[in-house]
Amino acid sequence: MEKHWKNTKYCIFVYNYNDNKNFENNYLKSMRDKGFTVIFAEDLTDKNIISPEYQRSNFDAHPNEKAWDLLTPLFAKTVHLN
């Protein structure tokens, strides 16, 4: 990526940080060490985004449209500040 997109800032957006924290901590530390910015959805808002209201379904915990409507402007503002 550095070869093809020099001087580009990379960002990892973590939506659900409740599971696999040990693995994710090691992985995310490695990514930070490589220059990636890591942003956690739970740091952007005090709303409980890990709830059925903000998930696609009971079987799919990915963010739904309502979650993205809430998080996108907050994410953009945070990325702009970094």
C-alpha atoms as a PDB file:
ATOM      1  CA  MET A   1       0.000   0.000   0.000  1.00  0.00           C
ATOM      2  CA  GLU A   2       2.835   2.369   0.796  1.00  0.00           C
ATOM      3  CA  LYS A   3       4.341   1.718  -2.634  1.00  0.00           C
ATOM      4  CA  HIS A   4       1.175   2.610  -4.536  1.00  0.00           C
ATOM      5  CA  TRP A   5      -0.355   5.247  -2.264  1.00  0.00           C
ATOM      6  CA  LYS A   6       2.482   7.238  -0.738  1.00  0.00           C
ATOM      7  CA  ASN A   7       1.688   9.827   1.936  1.00  0.00           C
ATOM      8  CA  THR A   8      -1.763   8.340   2.496  1.00  0.00           C
ATOM      9  CA  LYS A   9      -3.165   8.142   6.006  1.00  0.00           C
ATOM     10  CA  TYR A  10      -4.930   4.881   6.793  1.00  0.00           C
ATOM     11  CA  CYS A  11      -7.658   4.340   9.328  1.00  0.00           C
ATOM     12  CA  ILE A  12      -9.197   1.273  10.907  1.00  0.00           C
ATOM     13  CA  PHE A  13     -12.729   1.721  12.160  1.00  0.00           C
ATOM     14  CA  VAL A  14     -13.691  -0.760  14.888  1.00  0.00           C
ATOM     15  CA  TYR A  15     -17.446  -1.087  15.285  1.00  0.00           C
ATOM     16  CA  ASN A  16     -17.753  -3.831  17.902  1.00  0.00           C
ATOM     17  CA  TYR A  17     -14.856  -4.099  20.322  1.00  0.00           C
ATOM     18  CA  ASN A  18     -16.532  -6.389  22.868  1.00  0.00           C
ATOM     19  CA  ASP A  19     -15.295  -9.691  21.419  1.00  0.00           C
ATOM     20  CA  ASN A  20     -11.737 -11.013  21.086  1.00  0.00           C
ATOM     21  CA  LYS A  21     -10.107  -8.087  22.871  1.00  0.00           C
ATOM     22  CA  ASN A  22      -6.771  -9.862  23.389  1.00  0.00           C
ATOM     23  CA  PHE A  23      -6.410 -10.676  19.716  1.00  0.00           C
ATOM     24  CA  GLU A  24      -7.655  -7.264  18.672  1.00  0.00           C
ATOM     25  CA  ASN A  25      -5.374  -5.442  21.097  1.00  0.00           C
ATOM     26  CA  ASN A  26      -2.322  -7.153  19.594  1.00  0.00           C
ATOM     27  CA  TYR A  27      -3.552  -6.689  16.046  1.00  0.00           C
ATOM     28  CA  LEU A  28      -4.533  -3.053  16.551  1.00  0.00           C
ATOM     29  CA  LYS A  29      -1.241  -2.264  18.294  1.00  0.00           C
ATOM     30  CA  SER A  30       0.571  -3.691  15.278  1.00  0.00           C
ATOM     31  CA  MET A  31      -1.532  -1.544  12.947  1.00  0.00           C
ATOM     32  CA  ARG A  32      -0.902   1.589  15.034  1.00  0.00           C
ATOM     33  CA  ASP A  33       2.833   0.842  14.936  1.00  0.00           C
ATOM     34  CA  LYS A  34       2.555   0.817  11.150  1.00  0.00           C
ATOM     35  CA  GLY A  35       0.944   4.264  11.113  1.00  0.00           C
ATOM     36  CA  PHE A  36      -2.742   3.378  11.004  1.00  0.00           C
ATOM     37  CA  THR A  37      -5.200   5.458  12.980  1.00  0.00           C
ATOM     38  CA  VAL A  38      -7.615   3.292  14.961  1.00  0.00           C
ATOM     39  CA  ILE A  39     -11.041   4.718  15.779  1.00  0.00           C
ATOM     40  CA  PHE A  40     -13.558   2.911  17.954  1.00  0.00           C
ATOM     41  CA  ALA A  41     -17.247   3.470  17.346  1.00  0.00           C
ATOM     42  CA  GLU A  42     -17.897   3.308  21.087  1.00  0.00           C
ATOM     43  CA  ASP A  43     -15.610   6.344  21.562  1.00  0.00           C
ATOM     44  CA  LEU A  44     -17.641   8.466  19.146  1.00  0.00           C
ATOM     45  CA  THR A  45     -20.979   8.382  20.945  1.00  0.00           C
ATOM     46  CA  ASP A  46     -22.486   7.582  24.299  1.00  0.00           C
ATOM     47  CA  LYS A  47     -25.314   5.652  22.624  1.00  0.00           C
ATOM     48  CA  ASN A  48     -25.209   1.867  22.911  1.00  0.00           C
ATOM     49  CA  ILE A  49     -24.445   1.065  19.296  1.00  0.00           C
ATOM     50  CA  ILE A  50     -24.011  -2.610  20.099  1.00  0.00           C
ATOM     51  CA  SER A  51     -27.731  -3.111  20.449  1.00  0.00           C
ATOM     52  CA  PRO A  52     -30.467  -4.484  18.180  1.00  0.00           C
ATOM     53  CA  GLU A  53     -31.513  -0.928  17.349  1.00  0.00           C
ATOM     54  CA  TYR A  54     -28.230  -0.376  15.487  1.00  0.00           C
ATOM     55  CA  GLN A  55     -27.598  -3.871  14.114  1.00  0.00           C
ATOM     56  CA  ARG A  56     -28.759  -5.386  10.828  1.00  0.00           C
ATOM     57  CA  SER A  57     -30.523  -8.269  12.541  1.00  0.00           C
ATOM     58  CA  ASN A  58     -30.349 -10.607  15.515  1.00  0.00           C
ATOM     59  CA  PHE A  59     -28.040 -12.793  13.445  1.00  0.00           C
ATOM     60  CA  ASP A  60     -25.883 -10.035  11.931  1.00  0.00           C
ATOM     61  CA  ALA A  61     -24.213  -7.566  14.305  1.00  0.00           C
ATOM     62  CA  HIS A  62     -22.914  -5.334  11.506  1.00  0.00           C
ATOM     63  CA  PRO A  63     -24.109  -1.731  11.694  1.00  0.00           C
ATOM     64  CA  ASN A  64     -27.408  -0.920  10.038  1.00  0.00           C
ATOM     65  CA  GLU A  65     -28.422   2.294   8.268  1.00  0.00           C
ATOM     66  CA  LYS A  66     -29.434   3.950  11.533  1.00  0.00           C
ATOM     67  CA  ALA A  67     -25.985   3.204  13.002  1.00  0.00           C
ATOM     68  CA  TRP A  68     -24.224   4.670   9.962  1.00  0.00           C
ATOM     69  CA  ASP A  69     -26.446   7.764  10.029  1.00  0.00           C
ATOM     70  CA  LEU A  70     -25.295   8.317  13.603  1.00  0.00           C
ATOM     71  CA  LEU A  71     -21.635   7.341  13.197  1.00  0.00           C
ATOM     72  CA  THR A  72     -20.665   8.729   9.789  1.00  0.00           C
ATOM     73  CA  PRO A  73     -20.577  12.443  10.685  1.00  0.00           C
ATOM     74  CA  LEU A  74     -18.805  11.658  13.962  1.00  0.00           C
ATOM     75  CA  PHE A  75     -16.290   9.453  12.149  1.00  0.00           C
ATOM     76  CA  ALA A  76     -15.674  12.110   9.490  1.00  0.00           C
ATOM     77  CA  LYS A  77     -15.083  14.766  12.128  1.00  0.00           C
ATOM     78  CA  THR A  78     -12.641  12.509  13.984  1.00  0.00           C
ATOM     79  CA  VAL A  79     -10.730  11.579  10.820  1.00  0.00           C
ATOM     80  CA  HIS A  80     -10.504  15.238   9.866  1.00  0.00           C
ATOM     81  CA  LEU A  81      -8.974  16.057  13.268  1.00  0.00           C
ATOM     82  CA  ASN A  82      -6.351  13.329  12.876  1.00  0.00           C
END
